[in-house]
Amino acid sequence: MLDSATANLQLLEEKWNIKLSEGGDTPIIVLPDICPTCLQPIADDSEDHKHELREKAEEEVASVKEKFRLAQADVQHDEQVLIIAEDSLSNTEDELEKMTSELQELSLKYDKQLAFCEDELKKVREEQFLCTQQYSQAMSDVQQLTEIKSLEASLAAELELVESTEATYKELCQDTKRAQDMLVDLSDKCDREKRSSATASQLAGVFGPRGVQTFVLQNAIQALQTTSQSYLDELSDGSQKLDLELDSGERIVRRAFVQNSDGSFVERPLSSLSGGQWRRCSIAMNLGFADLVARRGRMRPSLFVLDEPLTHLDQTGRAQVGKVLRQLLHRNPENAGALESSGLDTISTILIILQDLAAEELEESFDHIDQVVKEGGQSSVEVDEFS
């Protein structure tokens, strides 16, 4: 800043032909021959113009001197600041020496940390190498995925072709179904014609010699089998079956079936049945026949007499017989079972003749037990009035 003020001062001296650097508060200003402002000769000007030029020069000189003075003051201030800065520099050098020592210590510490970081960097680079391999594998997978997408596009085109083929196939299936429906209709018509022919043949046989009698007997045998089987199911818990058929000679053919351990039924000759199995079939046929006669003949018996019906039956078989007989006396939806709405629903009394052993075992199954006592060549009846 002082250099700039000095340069301005020199320019002003040259401009107005004065010596400000020699000292003195009021320099002598000599006007030049040529005006510095308008570059015109000054000798020809009036005194007023010269006076204005002199005042202007004095103002410029005063302004430049003031700036010069301020610049000197700034220089002095800067010198003081420089002294302070030198002191501060000395202190800073001491601090620098101290910091240099600390820096050396920190450098040793940082060297150790740098070694640790280099080890970590080595590990990171190894991980980076693994990542690079994984990236390469991923790029390979992406390439394969691109190939898969290309194959999917080809597959889509093939699927469109398949859909077109399926549409054609469906049309052919519809045509085939219509043909099959037509074939089924024709087959149904053929079956109806065959059934009509068979019915005509049956009618010819029925209304031929003994045809009506055979027809009635066959229906009765079928009804007897159905009714007897319902009783047999109750007596054997479904483990026995009885089949009744009418042969060409109008003889009743009886066939017995017994359930195996696997649940299937096998045919057994009547002569090979055990005593209990034969007794169950016999009781079922007797009850079925009585039921059929009661319904077909419109007979409504109130008394049912059985003579030794429990022969050859074990305790379970005797209990089942007792259960069936009590069902005949008590008709309701809870205990009627398979015997509901039979022809024996008017029976109010069942009389059973039993031996002593069986009577004792079935004492809880009957309402009254009367005993026939033979003594001294005479027989008497002890009537059970309070059981």
Foldseek 3Di string as FASTA:
>chain_A
DLVVLVVLLVVLCVQQVWDVPVDDDDIDTDHDQAHPPPRHGPVPDDPVVVVVSVVVSVVSNVVSVVVNVVVVVVVVVVVVVVVVVVVVVVVVVVVVVVVVVVVVVVVVVVVVVVVVVVVVVVVVVVVVVVVVVVVVVVVVVVVVVVVVVVVVVVVVVVVVVVVVVVVVVVVVVVVVVVVVVVVVVVVVVVVVVVVVVVVVVLVCQLPDVCNVVLVVLQVLQVQLQVQLQLQLCLLPVNQKHWDWGQDPVRDIDIWIWGADPVGDIDTDDLVPDAPLNNLSSVVSSVVSVVQSCCVVVVNADAEAEEEASCPRHDLSSLVSVLLQVVLLQDADPVRVPSVHPTSHNNHNYYHYHHDPVSCVSCVVSDDWDKDWDADPNDIDIRGGDPD
